[in-house]
Protein backbone atom coordinates (compact mmCIF):
# COMPACT_ATOMS: atom_id res chain seq x y z
CA MET A 1 -0.13 -0.05 0.17
CA LEU A 2 2.79 2.47 0.90
CA LEU A 3 4.54 1.73 -2.85
CA LEU A 4 1.13 2.44 -4.33
CA VAL A 5 0.60 6.12 -2.40
CA THR A 6 4.13 6.47 -2.97
CA SER A 7 4.41 5.90 -6.72
CA TYR A 8 0.70 7.58 -6.95
CA GLN A 9 2.42 10.53 -5.34
CA VAL A 10 5.53 11.05 -7.41
CA GLY A 11 3.46 10.42 -10.57
CA PHE A 12 -0.18 11.60 -12.11
CA GLY A 13 -1.56 12.65 -8.13
CA PRO A 14 0.10 15.88 -8.04
CA ILE A 15 -2.15 16.42 -11.20
CA SER A 16 -4.95 17.10 -10.20
CA TRP A 17 -3.95 19.82 -7.81
CA LEU A 18 -1.70 21.62 -10.57
CA MET A 19 -4.74 21.84 -13.24
CA ILE A 20 -7.42 23.21 -10.51
CA SER A 21 -5.03 26.10 -8.95
CA GLU A 22 -4.32 26.81 -12.89
CA ILE A 23 -7.69 26.53 -15.10
CA PHE A 24 -10.00 28.64 -12.80
CA PRO A 25 -9.82 32.96 -13.39
CA LEU A 26 -8.42 34.78 -10.61
CA ARG A 27 -11.59 36.07 -8.96
CA VAL A 28 -13.46 32.82 -8.08
CA ARG A 29 -10.01 31.16 -7.77
CA GLY A 30 -10.50 30.71 -3.96
CA MET A 31 -13.74 29.21 -4.14
CA ALA A 32 -13.09 26.90 -6.93
CA LEU A 33 -9.82 25.46 -4.97
CA ALA A 34 -12.01 24.46 -2.67
CA VAL A 35 -14.93 22.59 -3.90
CA GLY A 36 -11.92 21.47 -6.18
CA SER A 37 -10.79 20.14 -2.65
CA ILE A 38 -13.86 18.54 -1.35
CA VAL A 39 -14.38 16.82 -4.62
CA ASN A 40 -11.23 15.38 -4.15
CA PHE A 41 -11.17 14.43 -1.00
CA GLY A 42 -15.46 13.16 -1.21
CA SER A 43 -13.93 11.39 -4.29
CA ASN A 44 -11.41 9.53 -2.48
CA ILE A 45 -13.95 7.96 -0.19
CA LEU A 46 -16.18 7.20 -2.50
CA VAL A 47 -13.15 4.76 -3.43
CA ALA A 48 -11.98 3.80 -0.06
CA VAL A 49 -15.58 2.72 0.59
CA ALA A 50 -16.64 0.89 -2.13
CA LEU A 51 -13.06 -0.46 -2.72
CA PRO A 52 -14.20 -3.39 -0.46
CA VAL A 53 -18.16 -3.39 -2.07
CA MET A 54 -16.21 -3.88 -6.02
CA PHE A 55 -13.91 -6.57 -4.90
CA SER A 56 -16.38 -9.17 -3.12
CA ALA A 57 -19.16 -8.66 -6.33
CA PHE A 58 -16.99 -8.06 -9.16
CA GLY A 59 -13.29 -10.11 -7.92
CA GLN A 60 -10.02 -7.83 -7.63
CA ALA A 61 -8.66 -8.71 -10.94
CA ALA A 62 -11.83 -7.25 -12.32
CA VAL A 63 -11.42 -4.03 -10.63
CA PHE A 64 -7.78 -3.43 -10.53
CA TRP A 65 -8.37 -3.72 -14.63
CA MET A 66 -11.32 -1.20 -14.44
CA PHE A 67 -9.39 0.94 -12.35
CA GLY A 68 -6.26 0.59 -14.87
CA GLY A 69 -9.11 1.52 -17.60
CA ILE A 70 -10.27 4.57 -15.76
CA ALA A 71 -6.35 5.61 -15.19
CA LEU A 72 -5.37 5.45 -19.08
CA ALA A 73 -8.32 7.18 -19.76
CA SER A 74 -7.20 10.03 -17.40
CA LEU A 75 -3.56 9.66 -18.94
CA LEU A 76 -4.75 9.88 -22.50
CA PHE A 77 -6.74 13.52 -21.72
CA VAL A 78 -3.69 14.45 -19.93
CA VAL A 79 -2.22 14.28 -22.97
CA PHE A 80 -4.59 15.32 -25.63
CA VAL A 81 -6.68 17.92 -24.12
CA VAL A 82 -4.60 19.66 -20.94
CA PRO A 83 -2.85 22.29 -22.91
CA GLU A 84 0.41 23.04 -21.52
CA THR A 85 1.25 25.86 -19.62
CA LYS A 86 4.94 25.50 -18.22
CA GLY A 87 6.98 29.41 -18.14
CA ASN A 88 3.48 30.94 -18.47
CA THR A 89 1.83 33.20 -15.74
CA LEU A 90 -0.90 33.37 -14.07
CA GLU A 91 -2.49 35.56 -16.64
CA GLU A 92 -1.48 33.99 -19.53
CA ILE A 93 -3.23 30.79 -18.77
CA GLU A 94 -6.07 32.68 -18.21
CA ALA A 95 -5.66 33.93 -21.20
CA GLN A 96 -5.59 30.37 -23.31
CA LEU A 97 -7.69 28.61 -21.05
CA GLY A 98 -10.24 31.80 -22.41
CA GLU A 99 -9.70 31.44 -26.00
CA LYS A 100 -12.39 28.93 -28.09
CA ASN A 101 -9.45 27.23 -30.02
CA PRO A 102 -6.19 27.01 -28.13
CA GLU A 103 -3.17 26.80 -29.75
CA PRO A 104 -1.66 24.04 -30.36
CA SER A 105 -5.04 22.58 -30.92
CA LEU A 106 -4.80 18.62 -30.12
CA ARG A 107 -8.78 18.72 -29.03
CA ASP A 108 -11.22 16.69 -30.40
CA PRO A 109 -13.55 17.85 -32.12
CA LEU A 110 -16.22 16.18 -30.42
CA VAL A 111 -14.91 18.10 -27.02
CA ASP A 112 -14.85 21.34 -28.88
CA SER A 113 -18.38 21.03 -30.22
CA LEU A 114 -19.35 20.49 -26.21
CA ILE A 115 -17.46 23.09 -24.95
CA ASP A 116 -18.94 24.90 -27.68
CA GLY A 117 -22.88 23.80 -27.21
CA ILE A 118 -22.26 24.09 -23.15
CA GLY A 119 -20.80 28.08 -23.97
CA ALA A 120 -17.74 28.37 -22.51
């Protein structure tokens, strides 16, 4: 368990904290970080409570592959949808995320149509 937590925190774990600290405009950042933190910890509690039930219902191997699939989908989301923000100020990131078609455009047309439909 210690190895799992350590590898998660060194690898994929910080991405959610990094994203919620950068994607929200300054005027709502404090409230958005609070809501993001609640959702993050709530999700952790949900997984911890549901895991024993899932083990008994599906078996450990099936649950492992389910979570592996979710991790793979998350990795693909980060690689292909999340824009690179290295070296940018918070104001530049806010301007970049506020654009309809950020450069470079690696985004899926389906994602773009959903965003346009929401009016973001």
